[in-house]
Amino acid sequence: MAEPPLRKIAWAPNQAEAELIQGLLREQGIPSVERRAPDVPDFLAAGPRDIYVPESAAERARELLGDVAPQTNGAGVTDPQAVAVRSQGVRALRLVVFGILALLIAAAIIERA
């Protein structure tokens, strides 16, 4: 049996955000496939990922992700068929991690003084 044709509906800058997108789709019953860029080694979570869904679910998936703006595909090229989900939660988490890291560095500097 032949696999249904897939359509690229989203792009994520790393594996964590790709999994976030896939989770949103899965909650709505939309199956998806994540594919990493060819130049990203298998063992790295960093690096761009493309999200594909069956062509029959592409319109529904785009509607679900429709409140986000189209982004570039990591190479600076706008991909008109894809959107990148920029989660507020992911941004907040990055800010918290950065803040903790800054505090740890400051504590290490003070301790040496």
PDB file of N, CA and C in Angstrom:
ATOM      1  N   MET A   1       0.842  -1.184   0.000  1.00  0.00           N
ATOM      2  CA  MET A   1       0.000   0.000   0.000  1.00  0.00           C
ATOM      3  C   MET A   1       0.884   1.245   0.000  1.00  0.00           C
ATOM      4  N   ALA A   2       0.587   2.168  -0.868  1.00  0.00           N
ATOM      5  CA  ALA A   2       1.392   3.376  -1.005  1.00  0.00           C
ATOM      6  C   ALA A   2       1.078   4.350   0.120  1.00  0.00           C
ATOM      7  N   GLU A   3       2.120   5.042   0.563  1.00  0.00           N
ATOM      8  CA  GLU A   3       1.963   6.065   1.592  1.00  0.00           C
ATOM      9  C   GLU A   3       1.258   7.279   0.980  1.00  0.00           C
ATOM     10  N   PRO A   4       0.415   7.975   1.763  1.00  0.00           N
ATOM     11  CA  PRO A   4      -0.228   9.171   1.229  1.00  0.00           C
ATOM     12  C   PRO A   4       0.816  10.261   1.004  1.00  0.00           C
ATOM     13  N   PRO A   5       0.605  11.112   0.005  1.00  0.00           N
ATOM     14  CA  PRO A   5       1.563  12.199  -0.224  1.00  0.00           C
ATOM     15  C   PRO A   5       1.587  13.144   0.971  1.00  0.00           C
ATOM     16  N   LEU A   6       2.779  13.627   1.290  1.00  0.00           N
ATOM     17  CA  LEU A   6       2.958  14.536   2.419  1.00  0.00           C
ATOM     18  C   LEU A   6       3.140  15.954   1.934  1.00  0.00           C
ATOM     19  N   ARG A   7       2.709  16.900   2.761  1.00  0.00           N
ATOM     20  CA  ARG A   7       2.877  18.312   2.444  1.00  0.00           C
ATOM     21  C   ARG A   7       3.540  18.991   3.629  1.00  0.00           C
ATOM     22  N   LYS A   8       4.547  19.819   3.328  1.00  0.00           N
ATOM     23  CA  LYS A   8       5.228  20.577   4.366  1.00  0.00           C
ATOM     24  C   LYS A   8       4.312  21.703   4.825  1.00  0.00           C
ATOM     25  N   ILE A   9       4.063  21.738   6.149  1.00  0.00           N
ATOM     26  CA  ILE A   9       3.161  22.766   6.666  1.00  0.00           C
ATOM     27  C   ILE A   9       3.820  23.644   7.719  1.00  0.00           C
ATOM     28  N   ALA A  10       4.995  23.239   8.201  1.00  0.00           N
ATOM     29  CA  ALA A  10       5.631  24.033   9.246  1.00  0.00           C
ATOM     30  C   ALA A  10       7.132  23.818   9.222  1.00  0.00           C
ATOM     31  N   TRP A  11       7.817  24.769   9.827  1.00  0.00           N
ATOM     32  CA  TRP A  11       9.262  24.724   9.993  1.00  0.00           C
ATOM     33  C   TRP A  11       9.565  25.109  11.420  1.00  0.00           C
ATOM     34  N   ALA A  12      10.534  24.440  12.024  1.00  0.00           N
ATOM     35  CA  ALA A  12      10.948  24.775  13.386  1.00  0.00           C
ATOM     36  C   ALA A  12      12.467  24.902  13.416  1.00  0.00           C
ATOM     37  N   PRO A  13      13.000  25.796  14.238  1.00  0.00           N
ATOM     38  CA  PRO A  13      14.445  25.997  14.278  1.00  0.00           C
ATOM     39  C   PRO A  13      15.215  24.900  15.016  1.00  0.00           C
ATOM     40  N   ASN A  14      14.492  24.029  15.765  1.00  0.00           N
ATOM     41  CA  ASN A  14      15.172  22.948  16.479  1.00  0.00           C
ATOM     42  C   ASN A  14      14.182  21.836  16.790  1.00  0.00           C
ATOM     43  N   GLN A  15      14.704  20.728  17.334  1.00  0.00           N
ATOM     44  CA  GLN A  15      13.884  19.556  17.598  1.00  0.00           C
ATOM     45  C   GLN A  15      12.793  19.830  18.642  1.00  0.00           C
ATOM     46  N   ALA A  16      13.112  20.582  19.678  1.00  0.00           N
ATOM     47  CA  ALA A  16      12.129  20.848  20.729  1.00  0.00           C
ATOM     48  C   ALA A  16      10.893  21.559  20.178  1.00  0.00           C
ATOM     49  N   GLU A  17      11.117  22.568  19.359  1.00  0.00           N
ATOM     50  CA  GLU A  17       9.981  23.298  18.795  1.00  0.00           C
ATOM     51  C   GLU A  17       9.243  22.453  17.767  1.00  0.00           C
ATOM     52  N   ALA A  18       9.966  21.594  17.051  1.00  0.00           N
ATOM     53  CA  ALA A  18       9.308  20.679  16.112  1.00  0.00           C
ATOM     54  C   ALA A  18       8.387  19.729  16.869  1.00  0.00           C
ATOM     55  N   GLU A  19       8.854  19.233  18.013  1.00  0.00           N
ATOM     56  CA  GLU A  19       8.025  18.337  18.819  1.00  0.00           C
ATOM     57  C   GLU A  19       6.818  19.069  19.387  1.00  0.00           C
ATOM     58  N   LEU A  20       6.971  20.343  19.700  1.00  0.00           N
ATOM     59  CA  LEU A  20       5.851  21.151  20.161  1.00  0.00           C
ATOM     60  C   LEU A  20       4.783  21.240  19.065  1.00  0.00           C
ATOM     61  N   ILE A  21       5.204  21.512  17.862  1.00  0.00           N
ATOM     62  CA  ILE A  21       4.275  21.596  16.726  1.00  0.00           C
ATOM     63  C   ILE A  21       3.583  20.258  16.538  1.00  0.00           C
ATOM     64  N   GLN A  22       4.363  19.169  16.571  1.00  0.00           N
ATOM     65  CA  GLN A  22       3.782  17.844  16.385  1.00  0.00           C
ATOM     66  C   GLN A  22       2.776  17.524  17.491  1.00  0.00           C
ATOM     67  N   GLY A  23       3.061  17.966  18.709  1.00  0.00           N
ATOM     68  CA  GLY A  23       2.131  17.749  19.802  1.00  0.00           C
ATOM     69  C   GLY A  23       0.810  18.472  19.581  1.00  0.00           C
ATOM     70  N   LEU A  24       0.884  19.713  19.096  1.00  0.00           N
ATOM     71  CA  LEU A  24      -0.333  20.470  18.792  1.00  0.00           C
ATOM     72  C   LEU A  24      -1.156  19.756  17.721  1.00  0.00           C
ATOM     73  N   LEU A  25      -0.471  19.266  16.708  1.00  0.00           N
ATOM     74  CA  LEU A  25      -1.163  18.558  15.631  1.00  0.00           C
ATOM     75  C   LEU A  25      -1.761  17.250  16.136  1.00  0.00           C
ATOM     76  N   ARG A  26      -0.994  16.500  16.919  1.00  0.00           N
ATOM     77  CA  ARG A  26      -1.437  15.202  17.437  1.00  0.00           C
ATOM     78  C   ARG A  26      -2.696  15.363  18.297  1.00  0.00           C
ATOM     79  N   GLU A  27      -2.749  16.442  19.107  1.00  0.00           N
ATOM     80  CA  GLU A  27      -3.925  16.692  19.949  1.00  0.00           C
ATOM     81  C   GLU A  27      -5.187  16.873  19.118  1.00  0.00           C
ATOM     82  N   GLN A  28      -5.030  17.303  17.875  1.00  0.00           N
ATOM     83  CA  GLN A  28      -6.174  17.501  16.984  1.00  0.00           C
ATOM     84  C   GLN A  28      -6.373  16.315  16.041  1.00  0.00           C
ATOM     85  N   GLY A  29      -5.624  15.240  16.277  1.00  0.00           N
ATOM     86  CA  GLY A  29      -5.787  14.031  15.466  1.00  0.00           C
ATOM     87  C   GLY A  29      -5.110  14.092  14.106  1.00  0.00           C
ATOM     88  N   ILE A  30      -4.148  14.988  13.955  1.00  0.00           N
ATOM     89  CA  ILE A  30      -3.441  15.134  12.682  1.00  0.00           C
ATOM     90  C   ILE A  30      -2.075  14.472  12.809  1.00  0.00           C
ATOM     91  N   PRO A  31      -1.832  13.392  12.066  1.00  0.00           N
ATOM     92  CA  PRO A  31      -0.505  12.767  12.120  1.00  0.00           C
ATOM     93  C   PRO A  31       0.529  13.645  11.430  1.00  0.00           C
ATOM     94  N   SER A  32       1.762  13.573  11.890  1.00  0.00           N
ATOM     95  CA  SER A  32       2.809  14.398  11.287  1.00  0.00           C
ATOM     96  C   SER A  32       4.136  13.656  11.302  1.00  0.00           C
ATOM     97  N   VAL A  33       5.042  14.136  10.455  1.00  0.00           N
ATOM     98  CA  VAL A  33       6.385  13.594  10.349  1.00  0.00           C
ATOM     99  C   VAL A  33       7.362  14.754  10.449  1.00  0.00           C
ATOM    100  N   GLU A  34       8.402  14.574  11.244  1.00  0.00           N
ATOM    101  CA  GLU A  34       9.455  15.588  11.377  1.00  0.00           C
ATOM    102  C   GLU A  34      10.655  15.119  10.564  1.00  0.00           C
ATOM    103  N   ARG A  35      11.224  16.013   9.796  1.00  0.00           N
ATOM    104  CA  ARG A  35      12.446  15.693   9.045  1.00  0.00           C
ATOM    105  C   ARG A  35      13.476  16.776   9.325  1.00  0.00           C
ATOM    106  N   ARG A  36      14.658  16.346   9.708  1.00  0.00           N
ATOM    107  CA  ARG A  36      15.731  17.294   9.990  1.00  0.00           C
ATOM    108  C   ARG A  36      16.405  17.691   8.689  1.00  0.00           C
ATOM    109  N   ALA A  37      17.076  18.813   8.731  1.00  0.00           N
ATOM    110  CA  ALA A  37      17.833  19.266   7.565  1.00  0.00           C
ATOM    111  C   ALA A  37      18.948  18.263   7.286  1.00  0.00           C
ATOM    112  N   PRO A  38      19.322  18.076   6.036  1.00  0.00           N
ATOM    113  CA  PRO A  38      20.338  17.075   5.695  1.00  0.00           C
ATOM    114  C   PRO A  38      21.693  17.305   6.364  1.00  0.00           C
ATOM    115  N   ASP A  39      22.003  18.537   6.696  1.00  0.00           N
ATOM    116  CA  ASP A  39      23.309  18.828   7.286  1.00  0.00           C
ATOM    117  C   ASP A  39      23.318  18.744   8.807  1.00  0.00           C
ATOM    118  N   VAL A  40      22.216  18.309   9.430  1.00  0.00           N
ATOM    119  CA  VAL A  40      22.138  18.184  10.882  1.00  0.00           C
ATOM    120  C   VAL A  40      22.356  16.719  11.259  1.00  0.00           C
ATOM    121  N   PRO A  41      23.392  16.414  12.039  1.00  0.00           N
ATOM    122  CA  PRO A  41      23.631  15.019  12.444  1.00  0.00           C
ATOM    123  C   PRO A  41      22.462  14.455  13.247  1.00  0.00           C
ATOM    124  N   ASP A  42      22.262  13.137  13.161  1.00  0.00           N
ATOM    125  CA  ASP A  42      21.145  12.471  13.840  1.00  0.00           C
ATOM    126  C   ASP A  42      21.105  12.718  15.337  1.00  0.00           C
ATOM    127  N   PHE A  43      22.248  12.828  15.966  1.00  0.00           N
ATOM    128  CA  PHE A  43      22.294  12.901  17.425  1.00  0.00           C
ATOM    129  C   PHE A  43      22.113  14.307  17.976  1.00  0.00           C
ATOM    130  N   LEU A  44      21.979  15.303  17.144  1.00  0.00           N
ATOM    131  CA  LEU A  44      21.833  16.682  17.619  1.00  0.00           C
ATOM    132  C   LEU A  44      20.364  17.105  17.653  1.00  0.00           C
ATOM    133  N   ALA A  45      19.983  17.789  18.734  1.00  0.00           N
ATOM    134  CA  ALA A  45      18.628  18.333  18.834  1.00  0.00           C
ATOM    135  C   ALA A  45      18.562  19.716  18.186  1.00  0.00           C
ATOM    136  N   ALA A  46      19.730  20.317  17.978  1.00  0.00           N
ATOM    137  CA  ALA A  46      19.781  21.632  17.335  1.00  0.00           C
ATOM    138  C   ALA A  46      19.601  21.454  15.834  1.00  0.00           C
ATOM    139  N   GLY A  47      19.280  22.523  15.187  1.00  0.00           N
ATOM    140  CA  GLY A  47      19.168  22.505  13.736  1.00  0.00           C
ATOM    141  C   GLY A  47      17.725  22.464  13.274  1.00  0.00           C
ATOM    142  N   PRO A  48      17.481  23.008  12.103  1.00  0.00           N
ATOM    143  CA  PRO A  48      16.111  23.145  11.599  1.00  0.00           C
ATOM    144  C   PRO A  48      15.437  21.809  11.308  1.00  0.00           C
ATOM    145  N   ARG A  49      14.118  21.829  11.471  1.00  0.00           N
ATOM    146  CA  ARG A  49      13.277  20.668  11.204  1.00  0.00           C
ATOM    147  C   ARG A  49      12.086  21.121  10.369  1.00  0.00           C
ATOM    148  N   ASP A  50      11.677  20.281   9.443  1.00  0.00           N
ATOM    149  CA  ASP A  50      10.468  20.509   8.664  1.00  0.00           C
ATOM    150  C   ASP A  50       9.397  19.558   9.180  1.00  0.00           C
ATOM    151  N   ILE A  51       8.151  20.025   9.217  1.00  0.00           N
ATOM    152  CA  ILE A  51       7.030  19.218   9.662  1.00  0.00           C
ATOM    153  C   ILE A  51       6.121  18.970   8.470  1.00  0.00           C
ATOM    154  N   TYR A  52       5.824  17.699   8.242  1.00  0.00           N
ATOM    155  CA  TYR A  52       4.976  17.285   7.132  1.00  0.00           C
ATOM    156  C   TYR A  52       3.738  16.588   7.665  1.00  0.00           C
ATOM    157  N   VAL A  53       2.616  16.782   6.980  1.00  0.00           N
ATOM    158  CA  VAL A  53       1.377  16.078   7.300  1.00  0.00           C
ATOM    159  C   VAL A  53       0.842  15.487   5.999  1.00  0.00           C
ATOM    160  N   PRO A  54      -0.074  14.500   6.099  1.00  0.00           N
ATOM    161  CA  PRO A  54      -0.702  14.003   4.875  1.00  0.00           C
ATOM    162  C   PRO A  54      -1.391  15.149   4.142  1.00  0.00           C
ATOM    163  N   GLU A  55      -1.327  15.112   2.839  1.00  0.00           N
ATOM    164  CA  GLU A  55      -1.895  16.202   2.046  1.00  0.00           C
ATOM    165  C   GLU A  55      -3.366  16.445   2.379  1.00  0.00           C
ATOM    166  N   SER A  56      -4.081  15.388   2.712  1.00  0.00           N
ATOM    167  CA  SER A  56      -5.504  15.524   3.037  1.00  0.00           C
ATOM    168  C   SER A  56      -5.730  16.313   4.333  1.00  0.00           C
ATOM    169  N   ALA A  57      -4.729  16.401   5.200  1.00  0.00           N
ATOM    170  CA  ALA A  57      -4.864  17.117   6.475  1.00  0.00           C
ATOM    171  C   ALA A  57      -4.136  18.458   6.472  1.00  0.00           C
ATOM    172  N   ALA A  58      -3.522  18.825   5.357  1.00  0.00           N
ATOM    173  CA  ALA A  58      -2.696  20.032   5.309  1.00  0.00           C
ATOM    174  C   ALA A  58      -3.500  21.296   5.590  1.00  0.00           C
ATOM    175  N   GLU A  59      -4.665  21.414   5.012  1.00  0.00           N
ATOM    176  CA  GLU A  59      -5.467  22.622   5.218  1.00  0.00           C
ATOM    177  C   GLU A  59      -5.885  22.750   6.676  1.00  0.00           C
ATOM    178  N   ARG A  60      -6.314  21.663   7.271  1.00  0.00           N
ATOM    179  CA  ARG A  60      -6.719  21.683   8.686  1.00  0.00           C
ATOM    180  C   ARG A  60      -5.527  22.020   9.586  1.00  0.00           C
ATOM    181  N   ALA A  61      -4.362  21.468   9.264  1.00  0.00           N
ATOM    182  CA  ALA A  61      -3.157  21.746  10.052  1.00  0.00           C
ATOM    183  C   ALA A  61      -2.777  23.215   9.943  1.00  0.00           C
ATOM    184  N   ARG A  62      -2.866  23.772   8.753  1.00  0.00           N
ATOM    185  CA  ARG A  62      -2.553  25.199   8.571  1.00  0.00           C
ATOM    186  C   ARG A  62      -3.525  26.079   9.348  1.00  0.00           C
ATOM    187  N   GLU A  63      -4.794  25.685   9.372  1.00  0.00           N
ATOM    188  CA  GLU A  63      -5.772  26.451  10.143  1.00  0.00           C
ATOM    189  C   GLU A  63      -5.426  26.408  11.628  1.00  0.00           C
ATOM    190  N   LEU A  64      -5.026  25.241  12.106  1.00  0.00           N
ATOM    191  CA  LEU A  64      -4.654  25.088  13.508  1.00  0.00           C
ATOM    192  C   LEU A  64      -3.450  25.956  13.851  1.00  0.00           C
ATOM    193  N   LEU A  65      -2.483  26.002  12.951  1.00  0.00           N
ATOM    194  CA  LEU A  65      -1.274  26.784  13.179  1.00  0.00           C
ATOM    195  C   LEU A  65      -1.371  28.182  12.571  1.00  0.00           C
ATOM    196  N   GLY A  66      -2.533  28.559  12.100  1.00  0.00           N
ATOM    197  CA  GLY A  66      -2.723  29.789  11.337  1.00  0.00           C
ATOM    198  C   GLY A  66      -2.490  31.084  12.070  1.00  0.00           C
ATOM    199  N   ASP A  67      -2.463  31.053  13.400  1.00  0.00           N
ATOM    200  CA  ASP A  67      -2.272  32.310  14.120  1.00  0.00           C
ATOM    201  C   ASP A  67      -0.810  32.708  14.226  1.00  0.00           C
ATOM    202  N   VAL A  68       0.044  31.975  13.577  1.00  0.00           N
ATOM    203  CA  VAL A  68       1.468  32.315  13.577  1.00  0.00           C
ATOM    204  C   VAL A  68       1.851  32.836  12.206  1.00  0.00           C
ATOM    205  N   ALA A  69       2.896  33.648  12.165  1.00  0.00           N
ATOM    206  CA  ALA A  69       3.318  34.272  10.917  1.00  0.00           C
ATOM    207  C   ALA A  69       4.302  33.385  10.172  1.00  0.00           C
ATOM    208  N   PRO A  70       4.290  33.418   8.840  1.00  0.00           N
ATOM    209  CA  PRO A  70       5.297  32.688   8.084  1.00  0.00           C
ATOM    210  C   PRO A  70       6.692  33.167   8.453  1.00  0.00           C
ATOM    211  N   GLN A  71       7.620  32.252   8.519  1.00  0.00           N
ATOM    212  CA  GLN A  71       8.991  32.552   8.893  1.00  0.00           C
ATOM    213  C   GLN A  71       9.923  32.064   7.790  1.00  0.00           C
ATOM    214  N   THR A  72      11.193  32.342   7.959  1.00  0.00           N
ATOM    215  CA  THR A  72      12.166  31.826   7.010  1.00  0.00           C
ATOM    216  C   THR A  72      12.527  30.400   7.385  1.00  0.00           C
ATOM    217  N   ASN A  73      13.141  29.693   6.458  1.00  0.00           N
ATOM    218  CA  ASN A  73      13.421  28.280   6.672  1.00  0.00           C
ATOM    219  C   ASN A  73      14.786  28.017   7.278  1.00  0.00           C
ATOM    220  N   GLY A  74      15.407  28.967   7.909  1.00  0.00           N
ATOM    221  CA  GLY A  74      16.698  28.760   8.547  1.00  0.00           C
ATOM    222  C   GLY A  74      17.846  29.205   7.655  1.00  0.00           C
ATOM    223  N   ALA A  75      17.615  29.226   6.372  1.00  0.00           N
ATOM    224  CA  ALA A  75      18.637  29.676   5.438  1.00  0.00           C
ATOM    225  C   ALA A  75      18.337  31.097   4.982  1.00  0.00           C
ATOM    226  N   GLY A  76      17.361  31.725   5.628  1.00  0.00           N
ATOM    227  CA  GLY A  76      17.008  33.086   5.276  1.00  0.00           C
ATOM    228  C   GLY A  76      16.038  33.180   4.119  1.00  0.00           C
ATOM    229  N   VAL A  77      15.513  32.044   3.660  1.00  0.00           N
ATOM    230  CA  VAL A  77      14.600  32.023   2.530  1.00  0.00           C
ATOM    231  C   VAL A  77      13.189  31.833   3.058  1.00  0.00           C
ATOM    232  N   THR A  78      12.272  32.704   2.673  1.00  0.00           N
ATOM    233  CA  THR A  78      10.895  32.569   3.112  1.00  0.00           C
ATOM    234  C   THR A  78      10.258  31.395   2.399  1.00  0.00           C
ATOM    235  N   ASP A  79       9.656  30.528   3.176  1.00  0.00           N
ATOM    236  CA  ASP A  79       8.976  29.364   2.629  1.00  0.00           C
ATOM    237  C   ASP A  79       7.480  29.645   2.658  1.00  0.00           C
ATOM    238  N   PRO A  80       6.849  29.917   1.524  1.00  0.00           N
ATOM    239  CA  PRO A  80       5.446  30.302   1.523  1.00  0.00           C
ATOM    240  C   PRO A  80       4.501  29.197   1.964  1.00  0.00           C
ATOM    241  N   GLN A  81       4.940  27.925   1.916  1.00  0.00           N
ATOM    242  CA  GLN A  81       4.062  26.831   2.299  1.00  0.00           C
ATOM    243  C   GLN A  81       4.240  26.418   3.745  1.00  0.00           C
ATOM    244  N   ALA A  82       5.130  27.070   4.469  1.00  0.00           N
ATOM    245  CA  ALA A  82       5.401  26.643   5.836  1.00  0.00           C
ATOM    246  C   ALA A  82       5.291  27.807   6.801  1.00  0.00           C
ATOM    247  N   VAL A  83       4.977  27.479   8.029  1.00  0.00           N
ATOM    248  CA  VAL A  83       4.957  28.462   9.094  1.00  0.00           C
ATOM    249  C   VAL A  83       5.771  27.915  10.246  1.00  0.00           C
ATOM    250  N   ALA A  84       6.360  28.790  10.981  1.00  0.00           N
ATOM    251  CA  ALA A  84       7.121  28.360  12.163  1.00  0.00           C
ATOM    252  C   ALA A  84       6.336  28.770  13.400  1.00  0.00           C
ATOM    253  N   VAL A  85       6.172  27.856  14.284  1.00  0.00           N
ATOM    254  CA  VAL A  85       5.473  28.155  15.521  1.00  0.00           C
ATOM    255  C   VAL A  85       6.471  28.725  16.503  1.00  0.00           C
ATOM    256  N   ARG A  86       6.237  29.943  16.933  1.00  0.00           N
ATOM    257  CA  ARG A  86       7.106  30.605  17.907  1.00  0.00           C
ATOM    258  C   ARG A  86       6.318  30.694  19.200  1.00  0.00           C
ATOM    259  N   SER A  87       6.405  29.693  19.980  1.00  0.00           N
ATOM    260  CA  SER A  87       5.620  29.581  21.202  1.00  0.00           C
ATOM    261  C   SER A  87       6.063  30.581  22.254  1.00  0.00           C
ATOM    262  N   GLN A  88       5.085  31.211  22.890  1.00  0.00           N
ATOM    263  CA  GLN A  88       5.398  32.122  23.989  1.00  0.00           C
ATOM    264  C   GLN A  88       6.049  31.352  25.127  1.00  0.00           C
ATOM    265  N   GLY A  89       5.612  30.119  25.348  1.00  0.00           N
ATOM    266  CA  GLY A  89       6.182  29.289  26.402  1.00  0.00           C
ATOM    267  C   GLY A  89       7.647  28.985  26.168  1.00  0.00           C
ATOM    268  N   VAL A  90       8.006  28.707  24.928  1.00  0.00           N
ATOM    269  CA  VAL A  90       9.401  28.418  24.599  1.00  0.00           C
ATOM    270  C   VAL A  90      10.242  29.671  24.793  1.00  0.00           C
ATOM    271  N   ARG A  91       9.723  30.797  24.398  1.00  0.00           N
ATOM    272  CA  ARG A  91      10.454  32.052  24.589  1.00  0.00           C
ATOM    273  C   ARG A  91      10.654  32.344  26.072  1.00  0.00           C
ATOM    274  N   ALA A  92       9.601  32.127  26.857  1.00  0.00           N
ATOM    275  CA  ALA A  92       9.708  32.357  28.295  1.00  0.00           C
ATOM    276  C   ALA A  92      10.723  31.409  28.922  1.00  0.00           C
ATOM    277  N   LEU A  93      10.706  30.163  28.496  1.00  0.00           N
ATOM    278  CA  LEU A  93      11.666  29.189  29.015  1.00  0.00           C
ATOM    279  C   LEU A  93      13.091  29.604  28.686  1.00  0.00           C
ATOM    280  N   ARG A  94      13.325  30.071  27.481  1.00  0.00           N
ATOM    281  CA  ARG A  94      14.657  30.546  27.108  1.00  0.00           C
ATOM    282  C   ARG A  94      15.094  31.701  28.009  1.00  0.00           C
ATOM    283  N   LEU A  95      14.173  32.602  28.287  1.00  0.00           N
ATOM    284  CA  LEU A  95      14.478  33.748  29.142  1.00  0.00           C
ATOM    285  C   LEU A  95      14.826  33.289  30.560  1.00  0.00           C
ATOM    286  N   VAL A  96      14.074  32.342  31.087  1.00  0.00           N
ATOM    287  CA  VAL A  96      14.349  31.816  32.431  1.00  0.00           C
ATOM    288  C   VAL A  96      15.713  31.136  32.460  1.00  0.00           C
ATOM    289  N   VAL A  97      16.004  30.306  31.465  1.00  0.00           N
ATOM    290  CA  VAL A  97      17.298  29.617  31.419  1.00  0.00           C
ATOM    291  C   VAL A  97      18.432  30.628  31.328  1.00  0.00           C
ATOM    292  N   PHE A  98      18.262  31.648  30.496  1.00  0.00           N
ATOM    293  CA  PHE A  98      19.283  32.689  30.378  1.00  0.00           C
ATOM    294  C   PHE A  98      19.483  33.402  31.712  1.00  0.00           C
ATOM    295  N   GLY A  99      18.393  33.709  32.417  1.00  0.00           N
ATOM    296  CA  GLY A  99      18.490  34.371  33.706  1.00  0.00           C
ATOM    297  C   GLY A  99      19.210  33.523  34.739  1.00  0.00           C
ATOM    298  N   ILE A 100      18.890  32.239  34.776  1.00  0.00           N
ATOM    299  CA  ILE A 100      19.568  31.330  35.708  1.00  0.00           C
ATOM    300  C   ILE A 100      21.048  31.247  35.389  1.00  0.00           C
ATOM    301  N   LEU A 101      21.360  31.137  34.118  1.00  0.00           N
ATOM    302  CA  LEU A 101      22.759  31.078  33.698  1.00  0.00           C
ATOM    303  C   LEU A 101      23.502  32.352  34.108  1.00  0.00           C
ATOM    304  N   ALA A 102      22.878  33.497  33.934  1.00  0.00           N
ATOM    305  CA  ALA A 102      23.501  34.762  34.323  1.00  0.00           C
ATOM    306  C   ALA A 102      23.737  34.810  35.831  1.00  0.00           C
ATOM    307  N   LEU A 103      22.780  34.331  36.611  1.00  0.00           N
ATOM    308  CA  LEU A 103      22.946  34.297  38.062  1.00  0.00           C
ATOM    309  C   LEU A 103      24.076  33.360  38.485  1.00  0.00           C
ATOM    310  N   LEU A 104      24.181  32.211  37.841  1.00  0.00           N
ATOM    311  CA  LEU A 104      25.252  31.274  38.155  1.00  0.00           C
ATOM    312  C   LEU A 104      26.632  31.864  37.836  1.00  0.00           C
ATOM    313  N   ILE A 105      26.715  32.545  36.718  1.00  0.00           N
ATOM    314  CA  ILE A 105      27.985  33.181  36.333  1.00  0.00           C
ATOM    315  C   ILE A 105      28.330  34.284  37.331  1.00  0.00           C
ATOM    316  N   ALA A 106      27.342  35.097  37.701  1.00  0.00           N
ATOM    317  CA  ALA A 106      27.584  36.165  38.671  1.00  0.00           C
ATOM    318  C   ALA A 106      28.015  35.588  40.017  1.00  0.00           C
ATOM    319  N   ALA A 107      27.377  34.502  40.450  1.00  0.00           N
ATOM    320  CA  ALA A 107      27.759  33.870  41.726  1.00  0.00           C
ATOM    321  C   ALA A 107      29.170  33.336  41.682  1.00  0.00           C
ATOM    322  N   ALA A 108      29.569  32.765  40.546  1.00  0.00           N
ATOM    323  CA  ALA A 108      30.926  32.227  40.403  1.00  0.00           C
ATOM    324  C   ALA A 108      31.962  33.371  40.443  1.00  0.00           C
ATOM    325  N   ILE A 109      31.637  34.484  39.833  1.00  0.00           N
ATOM    326  CA  ILE A 109      32.543  35.635  39.831  1.00  0.00           C
ATOM    327  C   ILE A 109      32.680  36.214  41.245  1.00  0.00           C
ATOM    328  N   ILE A 110      31.561  36.328  41.935  1.00  0.00           N
ATOM    329  CA  ILE A 110      31.583  36.867  43.302  1.00  0.00           C
ATOM    330  C   ILE A 110      32.357  35.936  44.232  1.00  0.00           C
ATOM    331  N   GLU A 111      32.190  34.639  44.069  1.00  0.00           N
ATOM    332  CA  GLU A 111      32.865  33.666  44.897  1.00  0.00           C
ATOM    333  C   GLU A 111      34.384  33.728  44.739  1.00  0.00           C
ATOM    334  N   ARG A 112      34.842  33.999  43.539  1.00  0.00           N
ATOM    335  CA  ARG A 112      36.280  34.093  43.261  1.00  0.00           C
ATOM    336  C   ARG A 112      36.885  35.375  43.825  1.00  0.00           C
ATOM    337  N   ALA A 113      36.051  36.390  43.994  1.00  0.00           N
ATOM    338  CA  ALA A 113      36.548  37.687  44.438  1.00  0.00           C
ATOM    339  C   ALA A 113      36.869  37.712  45.905  1.00  0.00           C
TER     340      ALA A 113
END
